[in-house]
C-alpha atoms as a PDB file:
ATOM      1  CA  UNK A   1    -123.153  16.662  -5.228  1.00  0.00           C
ATOM      2  CA  UNK A   2    -119.774  13.912  -5.705  1.00  0.00           C
ATOM      3  CA  UNK A   3    -119.197  11.013  -3.702  1.00  0.00           C
ATOM      4  CA  UNK A   4    -116.285  12.347  -2.646  1.00  0.00           C
ATOM      5  CA  UNK A   5    -117.192  15.712  -1.580  1.00  0.00           C
ATOM      6  CA  UNK A   6    -120.474  13.922   0.492  1.00  0.00           C
ATOM      7  CA  UNK A   7    -117.670  11.596   2.092  1.00  0.00           C
ATOM      8  CA  UNK A   8    -115.697  14.405   3.161  1.00  0.00           C
ATOM      9  CA  UNK A   9    -118.937  16.776   5.169  1.00  0.00           C
ATOM     10  CA  UNK A  10    -120.187  13.214   6.368  1.00  0.00           C
ATOM     11  CA  UNK A  11    -116.339  12.809   8.249  1.00  0.00           C
ATOM     12  CA  UNK A  12    -116.693  16.662   9.067  1.00  0.00           C
ATOM     13  CA  UNK A  13    -120.019  15.731  10.873  1.00  0.00           C
ATOM     14  CA  UNK A  14    -118.791  13.150  12.602  1.00  0.00           C
ATOM     15  CA  UNK A  15    -117.983  13.683  16.556  1.00  0.00           C
ATOM     16  CA  UNK A  16    -114.741  14.449  18.182  1.00  0.00           C
ATOM     17  CA  UNK A  17    -112.936  11.281  18.871  1.00  0.00           C
ATOM     18  CA  UNK A  18    -114.915   9.055  16.567  1.00  0.00           C
ATOM     19  CA  UNK A  19    -112.817   5.533  15.790  1.00  0.00           C
ATOM     20  CA  UNK A  20    -114.929   3.765  13.272  1.00  0.00           C
ATOM     21  CA  UNK A  21    -117.264   4.471  10.782  1.00  0.00           C
ATOM     22  CA  UNK A  22    -119.244   2.594   8.807  1.00  0.00           C
ATOM     23  CA  UNK A  23    -120.644   3.838   5.429  1.00  0.00           C
ATOM     24  CA  UNK A  24    -122.927   2.821   2.427  1.00  0.00           C
ATOM     25  CA  UNK A  25    -123.554   3.892  -1.093  1.00  0.00           C
ATOM     26  CA  UNK A  26    -126.771   3.168  -2.496  1.00  0.00           C
ATOM     27  CA  UNK A  27    -126.717   2.782  -6.524  1.00  0.00           C
ATOM     28  CA  UNK A  28    -129.856   2.886  -8.667  1.00  0.00           C
ATOM     29  CA  UNK A  29    -129.113  -1.108 -10.096  1.00  0.00           C
ATOM     30  CA  UNK A  30    -127.304  -3.468  -9.168  1.00  0.00           C
ATOM     31  CA  UNK A  31    -124.834  -3.512 -12.205  1.00  0.00           C
ATOM     32  CA  UNK A  32    -123.468  -0.015 -11.027  1.00  0.00           C
ATOM     33  CA  UNK A  33    -123.337  -1.256  -7.370  1.00  0.00           C
ATOM     34  CA  UNK A  34    -121.079  -4.477  -8.581  1.00  0.00           C
ATOM     35  CA  UNK A  35    -119.009  -1.944 -10.871  1.00  0.00           C
ATOM     36  CA  UNK A  36    -118.357   0.600  -7.319  1.00  0.00           C
ATOM     37  CA  UNK A  37    -117.225  -2.324  -5.348  1.00  0.00           C
ATOM     38  CA  UNK A  38    -114.700  -3.479  -7.856  1.00  0.00           C
ATOM     39  CA  UNK A  39    -113.770   0.532  -7.963  1.00  0.00           C
ATOM     40  CA  UNK A  40    -113.598  -0.078  -3.986  1.00  0.00           C
ATOM     41  CA  UNK A  41    -111.827  -2.892  -3.704  1.00  0.00           C
ATOM     42  CA  UNK A  42    -109.238  -1.604  -1.503  1.00  0.00           C
ATOM     43  CA  UNK A  43    -111.841  -1.475   0.817  1.00  0.00           C
ATOM     44  CA  UNK A  44    -112.996  -4.784   1.333  1.00  0.00           C
ATOM     45  CA  UNK A  45    -116.743  -3.664   0.584  1.00  0.00           C
ATOM     46  CA  UNK A  46    -119.501  -5.585   0.931  1.00  0.00           C
ATOM     47  CA  UNK A  47    -122.058  -5.590  -1.715  1.00  0.00           C
ATOM     48  CA  UNK A  48    -125.657  -6.234  -1.990  1.00  0.00           C
ATOM     49  CA  UNK A  49    -128.656  -5.691  -4.585  1.00  0.00           C
ATOM     50  CA  UNK A  50    -127.874  -1.751  -5.379  1.00  0.00           C
ATOM     51  CA  UNK A  51    -125.874  -0.917  -1.901  1.00  0.00           C
ATOM     52  CA  UNK A  52    -122.093  -0.808  -1.073  1.00  0.00           C
ATOM     53  CA  UNK A  53    -121.199  -0.976   2.560  1.00  0.00           C
ATOM     54  CA  UNK A  54    -117.889  -0.333   3.926  1.00  0.00           C
ATOM     55  CA  UNK A  55    -116.036   0.498   7.211  1.00  0.00           C
ATOM     56  CA  UNK A  56    -113.224   3.497   7.400  1.00  0.00           C
ATOM     57  CA  UNK A  57    -110.599   3.624  10.498  1.00  0.00           C
ATOM     58  CA  UNK A  58    -109.002   6.567  12.284  1.00  0.00           C
ATOM     59  CA  UNK A  59    -106.282   4.031  13.722  1.00  0.00           C
ATOM     60  CA  UNK A  60    -106.476   1.342  11.467  1.00  0.00           C
ATOM     61  CA  UNK A  61    -106.733   0.552   7.672  1.00  0.00           C
ATOM     62  CA  UNK A  62    -108.543   1.716   5.918  1.00  0.00           C
ATOM     63  CA  UNK A  63    -108.339   4.999   6.575  1.00  0.00           C
ATOM     64  CA  UNK A  64    -110.213   7.329   5.173  1.00  0.00           C
ATOM     65  CA  UNK A  65    -107.980   8.749   2.582  1.00  0.00           C
ATOM     66  CA  UNK A  66    -108.018   5.375   1.180  1.00  0.00           C
ATOM     67  CA  UNK A  67    -111.569   5.781   1.081  1.00  0.00           C
ATOM     68  CA  UNK A  68    -111.108   9.072  -0.378  1.00  0.00           C
ATOM     69  CA  UNK A  69    -109.474   7.908  -3.539  1.00  0.00           C
ATOM     70  CA  UNK A  70    -111.892   4.838  -4.087  1.00  0.00           C
ATOM     71  CA  UNK A  71    -115.105   7.525  -4.287  1.00  0.00           C
ATOM     72  CA  UNK A  72    -113.121   9.779  -6.344  1.00  0.00           C
ATOM     73  CA  UNK A  73    -112.498   6.955  -8.960  1.00  0.00           C
ATOM     74  CA  UNK A  74    -116.788   6.033  -8.835  1.00  0.00           C
ATOM     75  CA  UNK A  75    -116.955   9.602  -9.550  1.00  0.00           C
ATOM     76  CA  UNK A  76    -114.888   9.375 -12.887  1.00  0.00           C
ATOM     77  CA  UNK A  77    -116.974   6.089 -13.650  1.00  0.00           C
ATOM     78  CA  UNK A  78    -120.157   8.162 -13.378  1.00  0.00           C
ATOM     79  CA  UNK A  79    -122.109   5.666 -11.710  1.00  0.00           C
ATOM     80  CA  UNK A  80    -123.816   8.241  -9.224  1.00  0.00           C
ATOM     81  CA  UNK A  81    -125.098   6.910  -5.919  1.00  0.00           C
ATOM     82  CA  UNK A  82    -126.249   8.168  -2.808  1.00  0.00           C
ATOM     83  CA  UNK A  83    -123.801   8.154   0.438  1.00  0.00           C
ATOM     84  CA  UNK A  84    -125.002   7.796   4.232  1.00  0.00           C
ATOM     85  CA  UNK A  85    -123.632   6.646   7.281  1.00  0.00           C
ATOM     86  CA  UNK A  86    -124.733   3.926   8.665  1.00  0.00           C
ATOM     87  CA  UNK A  87    -122.927   3.919  12.457  1.00  0.00           C
ATOM     88  CA  UNK A  88    -119.555   5.400  13.988  1.00  0.00           C
ATOM     89  CA  UNK A  89    -117.975   4.104  17.058  1.00  0.00           C
ATOM     90  CA  UNK A  90    -115.864   6.413  19.664  1.00  0.00           C
ATOM     91  CA  UNK A  91    -112.306   5.722  20.435  1.00  0.00           C
ATOM     92  CA  UNK A  92    -111.988   4.032  24.479  1.00  0.00           C
ATOM     93  CA  UNK A  93    -110.831   6.848  26.971  1.00  0.00           C
ATOM     94  CA  UNK A  94    -107.267   7.226  27.071  1.00  0.00           C
ATOM     95  CA  UNK A  95    -105.535   5.929  30.003  1.00  0.00           C
ATOM     96  CA  UNK A  96    -103.623   8.526  31.457  1.00  0.00           C
ATOM     97  CA  UNK A  97     -99.979   7.561  30.903  1.00  0.00           C
ATOM     98  CA  UNK A  98     -96.866   9.277  31.245  1.00  0.00           C
ATOM     99  CA  UNK A  99     -96.081  11.167  27.649  1.00  0.00           C
ATOM    100  CA  UNK A 100     -93.001  10.633  26.233  1.00  0.00           C
ATOM    101  CA  UNK A 101     -92.296  13.624  23.731  1.00  0.00           C
ATOM    102  CA  UNK A 102     -91.235  12.807  19.969  1.00  0.00           C
ATOM    103  CA  UNK A 103     -88.122  14.627  20.666  1.00  0.00           C
ATOM    104  CA  UNK A 104     -87.216  13.001  24.129  1.00  0.00           C
ATOM    105  CA  UNK A 105     -87.686   9.162  21.347  1.00  0.00           C
ATOM    106  CA  UNK A 106     -85.700  10.597  18.845  1.00  0.00           C
ATOM    107  CA  UNK A 107     -83.146  10.860  21.858  1.00  0.00           C
ATOM    108  CA  UNK A 108     -83.429   7.711  22.860  1.00  0.00           C
ATOM    109  CA  UNK A 109     -82.896   6.305  19.399  1.00  0.00           C
ATOM    110  CA  UNK A 110     -79.414   8.294  18.339  1.00  0.00           C
ATOM    111  CA  UNK A 111     -78.264   7.277  21.803  1.00  0.00           C
ATOM    112  CA  UNK A 112     -78.976   3.060  20.496  1.00  0.00           C
ATOM    113  CA  UNK A 113     -76.583   3.711  17.638  1.00  0.00           C
ATOM    114  CA  UNK A 114     -73.023   2.799  17.417  1.00  0.00           C
ATOM    115  CA  UNK A 115     -70.671   5.409  18.244  1.00  0.00           C
ATOM    116  CA  UNK A 116     -69.588   6.152  14.559  1.00  0.00           C
ATOM    117  CA  UNK A 117     -72.935   6.299  12.587  1.00  0.00           C
ATOM    118  CA  UNK A 118     -73.140   8.450   9.851  1.00  0.00           C
ATOM    119  CA  UNK A 119     -76.641   7.776   8.216  1.00  0.00           C
ATOM    120  CA  UNK A 120     -79.899   7.132   9.483  1.00  0.00           C
ATOM    121  CA  UNK A 121     -83.457   6.240   7.746  1.00  0.00           C
ATOM    122  CA  UNK A 122     -86.153   7.056  10.278  1.00  0.00           C
ATOM    123  CA  UNK A 123     -89.936   6.582  10.351  1.00  0.00           C
ATOM    124  CA  UNK A 124     -92.427   9.285  11.995  1.00  0.00           C
ATOM    125  CA  UNK A 125     -96.271   7.358  12.470  1.00  0.00           C
ATOM    126  CA  UNK A 126     -98.811   9.833  14.037  1.00  0.00           C
ATOM    127  CA  UNK A 127    -101.540   8.479  16.153  1.00  0.00           C
ATOM    128  CA  UNK A 128    -104.088  10.651  13.492  1.00  0.00           C
ATOM    129  CA  UNK A 129    -104.720  10.975  10.052  1.00  0.00           C
ATOM    130  CA  UNK A 130    -106.201  14.299  11.475  1.00  0.00           C
ATOM    131  CA  UNK A 131    -102.679  15.719  11.892  1.00  0.00           C
ATOM    132  CA  UNK A 132    -101.176  14.539   8.494  1.00  0.00           C
ATOM    133  CA  UNK A 133    -101.064  17.844   6.960  1.00  0.00           C
ATOM    134  CA  UNK A 134    -100.036  19.845   9.470  1.00  0.00           C
ATOM    135  CA  UNK A 135     -97.514  17.097  10.364  1.00  0.00           C
ATOM    136  CA  UNK A 136     -95.642  17.405   6.979  1.00  0.00           C
ATOM    137  CA  UNK A 137     -95.983  21.151   7.006  1.00  0.00           C
ATOM    138  CA  UNK A 138     -94.016  21.126  10.451  1.00  0.00           C
ATOM    139  CA  UNK A 139     -91.207  18.570   9.584  1.00  0.00           C
ATOM    140  CA  UNK A 140     -90.833  20.045   6.135  1.00  0.00           C
ATOM    141  CA  UNK A 141     -87.381  20.801   6.797  1.00  0.00           C
ATOM    142  CA  UNK A 142     -86.401  17.040   7.358  1.00  0.00           C
ATOM    143  CA  UNK A 143     -88.469  16.037   3.566  1.00  0.00           C
ATOM    144  CA  UNK A 144     -90.951  13.729   5.197  1.00  0.00           C
ATOM    145  CA  UNK A 145     -92.224  11.103   2.569  1.00  0.00           C
ATOM    146  CA  UNK A 146     -95.371   8.963   2.748  1.00  0.00           C
ATOM    147  CA  UNK A 147     -94.899   5.357   1.384  1.00  0.00           C
ATOM    148  CA  UNK A 148     -98.130   3.686   2.303  1.00  0.00           C
ATOM    149  CA  UNK A 149    -102.047   4.328   3.676  1.00  0.00           C
ATOM    150  CA  UNK A 150    -100.460   4.752   7.547  1.00  0.00           C
ATOM    151  CA  UNK A 151    -100.288   8.238   8.799  1.00  0.00           C
ATOM    152  CA  UNK A 152     -96.304   7.876   8.436  1.00  0.00           C
ATOM    153  CA  UNK A 153     -93.347   9.896   7.408  1.00  0.00           C
ATOM    154  CA  UNK A 154     -90.088   8.259   6.570  1.00  0.00           C
ATOM    155  CA  UNK A 155     -87.110  10.547   6.395  1.00  0.00           C
ATOM    156  CA  UNK A 156     -83.172  10.340   6.327  1.00  0.00           C
ATOM    157  CA  UNK A 157     -80.805  12.019   8.667  1.00  0.00           C
ATOM    158  CA  UNK A 158     -77.165  12.698   8.071  1.00  0.00           C
ATOM    159  CA  UNK A 159     -74.644  12.824  11.344  1.00  0.00           C
ATOM    160  CA  UNK A 160     -71.838  15.259   9.280  1.00  0.00           C
ATOM    161  CA  UNK A 161     -72.324  15.376   5.208  1.00  0.00           C
ATOM    162  CA  UNK A 162     -74.414  13.984   2.751  1.00  0.00           C
ATOM    163  CA  UNK A 163     -78.243  13.509   1.958  1.00  0.00           C
ATOM    164  CA  UNK A 164     -80.599  13.745   4.613  1.00  0.00           C
ATOM    165  CA  UNK A 165     -81.524  16.449   7.564  1.00  0.00           C
ATOM    166  CA  UNK A 166     -78.608  17.344  10.577  1.00  0.00           C
ATOM    167  CA  UNK A 167     -79.761  15.615  13.805  1.00  0.00           C
ATOM    168  CA  UNK A 168     -80.562  18.616  15.088  1.00  0.00           C
ATOM    169  CA  UNK A 169     -82.618  19.565  12.895  1.00  0.00           C
ATOM    170  CA  UNK A 170     -84.748  16.709  13.190  1.00  0.00           C
ATOM    171  CA  UNK A 171     -85.391  17.352  16.630  1.00  0.00           C
ATOM    172  CA  UNK A 172     -86.065  21.064  16.691  1.00  0.00           C
ATOM    173  CA  UNK A 173     -88.707  19.600  13.544  1.00  0.00           C
ATOM    174  CA  UNK A 174     -90.261  16.777  16.664  1.00  0.00           C
ATOM    175  CA  UNK A 175     -89.846  19.960  18.935  1.00  0.00           C
ATOM    176  CA  UNK A 176     -92.302  22.007  16.498  1.00  0.00           C
ATOM    177  CA  UNK A 177     -94.643  18.767  16.644  1.00  0.00           C
ATOM    178  CA  UNK A 178     -94.360  18.210  20.403  1.00  0.00           C
ATOM    179  CA  UNK A 179     -95.441  21.695  20.516  1.00  0.00           C
ATOM    180  CA  UNK A 180     -98.631  21.614  18.497  1.00  0.00           C
ATOM    181  CA  UNK A 181     -99.720  18.418  20.447  1.00  0.00           C
ATOM    182  CA  UNK A 182     -99.119  15.945  17.860  1.00  0.00           C
ATOM    183  CA  UNK A 183     -98.606  12.626  19.020  1.00  0.00           C
ATOM    184  CA  UNK A 184     -96.928   9.669  17.770  1.00  0.00           C
ATOM    185  CA  UNK A 185     -93.822   7.611  17.568  1.00  0.00           C
ATOM    186  CA  UNK A 186     -90.314   8.074  15.938  1.00  0.00           C
ATOM    187  CA  UNK A 187     -88.033   5.138  15.085  1.00  0.00           C
ATOM    188  CA  UNK A 188     -84.941   4.454  13.437  1.00  0.00           C
ATOM    189  CA  UNK A 189     -85.394   1.574  10.429  1.00  0.00           C
ATOM    190  CA  UNK A 190     -81.914   1.523   9.103  1.00  0.00           C
ATOM    191  CA  UNK A 191     -78.366   2.856  10.161  1.00  0.00           C
ATOM    192  CA  UNK A 192     -75.056   3.055   8.518  1.00  0.00           C
ATOM    193  CA  UNK A 193     -71.679   3.821  10.468  1.00  0.00           C
ATOM    194  CA  UNK A 194     -68.655   5.445   9.267  1.00  0.00           C
ATOM    195  CA  UNK A 195     -69.502   5.900   5.411  1.00  0.00           C
ATOM    196  CA  UNK A 196     -67.037   7.764   3.306  1.00  0.00           C
ATOM    197  CA  UNK A 197     -68.471   8.852  -0.099  1.00  0.00           C
ATOM    198  CA  UNK A 198     -66.651   8.862  -2.877  1.00  0.00           C
ATOM    199  CA  UNK A 199     -67.679  11.225  -5.790  1.00  0.00           C
ATOM    200  CA  UNK A 200     -71.320  11.255  -4.207  1.00  0.00           C
ATOM    201  CA  UNK A 201     -72.995  13.316  -1.406  1.00  0.00           C
ATOM    202  CA  UNK A 202     -73.887  10.155   0.587  1.00  0.00           C
ATOM    203  CA  UNK A 203     -74.987   6.239   0.418  1.00  0.00           C
ATOM    204  CA  UNK A 204     -78.478   5.388  -1.012  1.00  0.00           C
ATOM    205  CA  UNK A 205     -80.891   2.804   0.535  1.00  0.00           C
ATOM    206  CA  UNK A 206     -82.954   0.946  -1.964  1.00  0.00           C
ATOM    207  CA  UNK A 207     -86.193   0.076  -0.121  1.00  0.00           C
ATOM    208  CA  UNK A 208     -89.206  -2.384  -2.121  1.00  0.00           C
ATOM    209  CA  UNK A 209     -86.943  -1.381  -5.199  1.00  0.00           C
ATOM    210  CA  UNK A 210     -86.600   2.604  -5.267  1.00  0.00           C
ATOM    211  CA  UNK A 211     -83.817   4.902  -3.807  1.00  0.00           C
ATOM    212  CA  UNK A 212     -84.725   6.537  -0.462  1.00  0.00           C
END
Protein backbone atom coordinates (compact mmCIF):
# COMPACT_ATOMS: atom_id res chain seq x y z
CA UNK A 1 0.00 0.00 0.00
CA UNK A 2 1.37 3.46 -0.91
CA UNK A 3 2.46 5.89 1.79
CA UNK A 4 -0.04 8.48 0.53
CA UNK A 5 -2.89 5.98 0.95
CA UNK A 6 -1.64 5.00 4.41
CA UNK A 7 -1.51 8.67 5.37
CA UNK A 8 -5.11 9.29 4.28
CA UNK A 9 -6.26 6.25 6.26
CA UNK A 10 -4.31 7.44 9.30
CA UNK A 11 -5.99 10.87 9.16
CA UNK A 12 -9.43 9.24 9.01
CA UNK A 13 -8.64 7.26 12.17
CA UNK A 14 -7.55 10.30 14.20
CA UNK A 15 -9.95 11.40 16.93
CA UNK A 16 -12.45 14.13 16.16
CA UNK A 17 -11.00 17.50 17.10
CA UNK A 18 -7.35 16.52 16.56
CA UNK A 19 -4.98 19.44 16.12
CA UNK A 20 -1.48 18.03 15.52
CA UNK A 21 -0.20 14.60 14.58
CA UNK A 22 3.39 13.37 14.81
CA UNK A 23 4.16 10.78 12.13
CA UNK A 24 7.16 8.65 11.26
CA UNK A 25 8.09 6.67 8.17
CA UNK A 26 10.52 3.77 8.63
CA UNK A 27 12.70 2.74 5.66
CA UNK A 28 14.89 -0.32 5.14
CA UNK A 29 18.13 1.68 5.14
CA UNK A 30 19.48 5.13 5.93
CA UNK A 31 20.07 6.09 2.29
CA UNK A 32 16.38 5.62 1.48
CA UNK A 33 15.46 7.68 4.52
CA UNK A 34 17.83 10.45 3.41
CA UNK A 35 16.29 10.56 -0.05
CA UNK A 36 12.76 10.57 1.39
CA UNK A 37 13.64 13.42 3.78
CA UNK A 38 14.82 15.46 0.79
CA UNK A 39 11.48 14.87 -0.96
CA UNK A 40 9.63 15.88 2.23
CA UNK A 41 11.74 18.98 2.83
CA UNK A 42 8.69 21.29 2.91
CA UNK A 43 7.55 19.46 6.08
CA UNK A 44 10.81 20.26 7.91
CA UNK A 45 11.30 16.56 8.74
CA UNK A 46 13.70 14.99 11.18
CA UNK A 47 15.79 12.07 9.92
CA UNK A 48 17.86 9.54 11.84
CA UNK A 49 19.07 6.10 10.82
CA UNK A 50 16.29 4.70 8.60
CA UNK A 51 13.49 6.87 10.03
CA UNK A 52 11.90 10.13 8.84
CA UNK A 53 9.63 11.98 11.24
CA UNK A 54 7.36 15.00 10.69
CA UNK A 55 4.36 16.80 12.20
CA UNK A 56 1.16 17.95 10.48
CA UNK A 57 -1.42 20.38 11.84
CA UNK A 58 -4.99 21.35 11.03
CA UNK A 59 -4.44 24.98 12.06
CA UNK A 60 -0.90 25.85 10.95
CA UNK A 61 1.67 24.73 8.42
CA UNK A 62 2.49 22.11 7.46
CA UNK A 63 -1.09 21.18 6.63
CA UNK A 64 -2.08 17.58 5.77
CA UNK A 65 -2.42 18.48 2.06
CA UNK A 66 1.27 19.44 1.96
CA UNK A 67 2.28 16.15 3.59
CA UNK A 68 0.11 14.19 1.17
CA UNK A 69 1.82 15.75 -1.84
CA UNK A 70 5.24 15.03 -0.34
CA UNK A 71 4.38 11.40 0.34
CA UNK A 72 3.19 11.01 -3.24
CA UNK A 73 6.66 12.13 -4.35
CA UNK A 74 8.20 9.47 -2.09
CA UNK A 75 5.85 6.86 -3.57
CA UNK A 76 6.81 7.94 -7.09
CA UNK A 77 10.50 7.47 -6.19
CA UNK A 78 9.69 3.87 -5.14
CA UNK A 79 11.49 4.19 -1.81
CA UNK A 80 9.03 1.98 0.04
CA UNK A 81 8.61 2.75 3.72
CA UNK A 82 6.20 2.01 6.53
CA UNK A 83 4.16 4.87 7.97
CA UNK A 84 3.02 5.02 11.60
CA UNK A 85 1.41 7.49 13.99
CA UNK A 86 3.63 8.50 16.91
CA UNK A 87 1.20 10.75 18.77
CA UNK A 88 -1.60 13.27 18.29
CA UNK A 89 -3.00 16.20 20.25
CA UNK A 90 -6.53 17.51 20.60
CA UNK A 91 -7.61 21.11 20.16
CA UNK A 92 -8.31 23.00 23.36
CA UNK A 93 -12.04 23.36 24.05
CA UNK A 94 -13.27 26.52 22.37
CA UNK A 95 -14.61 29.21 24.66
CA UNK A 96 -18.13 30.25 23.86
CA UNK A 97 -17.99 33.67 22.22
CA UNK A 98 -20.59 35.39 20.11
CA UNK A 99 -20.11 34.20 16.56
CA UNK A 100 -20.08 36.59 13.63
CA UNK A 101 -21.35 34.93 10.50
CA UNK A 102 -19.37 35.15 7.26
CA UNK A 103 -22.22 37.06 5.63
CA UNK A 104 -22.22 39.61 8.47
CA UNK A 105 -18.44 39.91 8.28
CA UNK A 106 -18.75 40.63 4.54
CA UNK A 107 -21.29 43.38 5.27
CA UNK A 108 -18.82 45.00 7.67
CA UNK A 109 -15.98 44.83 5.12
CA UNK A 110 -18.12 46.34 2.34
CA UNK A 111 -19.45 49.09 4.63
CA UNK A 112 -15.87 50.24 5.26
CA UNK A 113 -15.21 50.81 1.53
CA UNK A 114 -15.43 54.25 -0.11
CA UNK A 115 -18.90 55.09 -1.47
CA UNK A 116 -17.65 54.92 -5.07
CA UNK A 117 -15.88 51.55 -4.83
CA UNK A 118 -16.07 49.47 -7.98
CA UNK A 119 -13.83 46.39 -7.65
CA UNK A 120 -12.38 44.39 -4.76
CA UNK A 121 -10.03 41.45 -4.32
CA UNK A 122 -10.95 39.52 -1.19
CA UNK A 123 -9.95 36.47 0.82
CA UNK A 124 -12.05 33.83 2.55
CA UNK A 125 -10.02 31.83 5.09
CA UNK A 126 -11.64 28.74 6.60
CA UNK A 127 -10.85 27.52 10.09
CA UNK A 128 -10.23 23.94 9.05
CA UNK A 129 -8.80 22.14 6.03
CA UNK A 130 -11.63 19.63 6.52
CA UNK A 131 -14.01 22.18 4.98
CA UNK A 132 -11.97 22.95 1.85
CA UNK A 133 -13.85 20.72 -0.58
CA UNK A 134 -17.34 21.60 0.63
CA UNK A 135 -16.39 25.27 0.98
CA UNK A 136 -15.15 25.41 -2.61
CA UNK A 137 -18.38 23.80 -3.82
CA UNK A 138 -20.66 26.18 -1.91
CA UNK A 139 -18.63 29.21 -2.99
CA UNK A 140 -18.28 28.09 -6.63
CA UNK A 141 -20.29 31.04 -8.09
CA UNK A 142 -17.61 33.50 -6.88
CA UNK A 143 -14.84 31.49 -8.59
CA UNK A 144 -12.73 30.86 -5.46
CA UNK A 145 -9.01 30.26 -6.03
CA UNK A 146 -6.36 28.90 -3.68
CA UNK A 147 -3.01 30.71 -3.68
CA UNK A 148 -1.04 28.96 -0.91
CA UNK A 149 -1.15 26.10 1.58
CA UNK A 150 -3.61 27.78 3.96
CA UNK A 151 -7.28 26.70 3.95
CA UNK A 152 -8.14 29.92 2.13
CA UNK A 153 -9.69 31.11 -1.13
CA UNK A 154 -9.39 34.43 -2.92
CA UNK A 155 -11.99 35.93 -5.21
CA UNK A 156 -12.96 39.09 -7.06
CA UNK A 157 -16.10 41.15 -6.67
CA UNK A 158 -17.32 43.81 -9.11
CA UNK A 159 -19.97 46.27 -7.99
CA UNK A 160 -21.54 47.08 -11.38
CA UNK A 161 -19.65 45.36 -14.21
CA UNK A 162 -16.40 43.62 -15.05
CA UNK A 163 -14.48 40.69 -13.63
CA UNK A 164 -15.80 39.21 -10.41
CA UNK A 165 -19.04 38.23 -8.73
CA UNK A 166 -21.68 40.76 -7.77
CA UNK A 167 -21.73 41.80 -4.08
CA UNK A 168 -25.09 40.12 -3.58
CA UNK A 169 -23.79 36.85 -5.03
CA UNK A 170 -20.80 36.96 -2.69
CA UNK A 171 -23.14 37.41 0.27
CA UNK A 172 -25.39 34.55 -0.84
CA UNK A 173 -22.41 32.21 -1.12
CA UNK A 174 -21.25 33.20 2.35
CA UNK A 175 -24.76 32.58 3.68
CA UNK A 176 -24.55 29.07 2.21
CA UNK A 177 -21.28 28.51 4.07
CA UNK A 178 -22.88 29.81 7.27
CA UNK A 179 -25.79 27.45 6.74
CA UNK A 180 -23.36 24.52 6.49
CA UNK A 181 -21.70 25.65 9.76
CA UNK A 182 -18.42 26.31 7.95
CA UNK A 183 -16.54 28.91 9.94
CA UNK A 184 -13.83 31.30 8.93
CA UNK A 185 -13.00 34.91 8.19
CA UNK A 186 -13.48 37.12 5.16
CA UNK A 187 -11.37 40.19 4.41
CA UNK A 188 -11.06 42.64 1.54
CA UNK A 189 -7.41 42.78 0.50
CA UNK A 190 -7.52 45.38 -2.30
CA UNK A 191 -10.10 47.80 -3.62
CA UNK A 192 -10.51 50.22 -6.53
CA UNK A 193 -12.92 53.11 -6.88
CA UNK A 194 -14.78 54.55 -9.85
CA UNK A 195 -13.03 52.45 -12.49
CA UNK A 196 -14.00 53.13 -16.11
CA UNK A 197 -12.72 50.31 -18.34
CA UNK A 198 -11.79 51.16 -21.92
CA UNK A 199 -11.95 48.27 -24.40
CA UNK A 200 -11.75 45.78 -21.54
CA UNK A 201 -14.11 44.05 -19.12
CA UNK A 202 -12.45 45.54 -16.07
CA UNK A 203 -9.19 46.19 -14.22
CA UNK A 204 -6.62 43.46 -13.65
CA UNK A 205 -4.48 43.14 -10.52
CA UNK A 206 -1.06 41.53 -10.58
CA UNK A 207 -0.21 39.68 -7.37
CA UNK A 208 3.23 38.05 -7.15
CA UNK A 209 3.58 38.51 -10.90
CA UNK A 210 0.28 36.78 -11.72
CA UNK A 211 -2.96 38.37 -12.95
CA UNK A 212 -5.94 37.89 -10.65
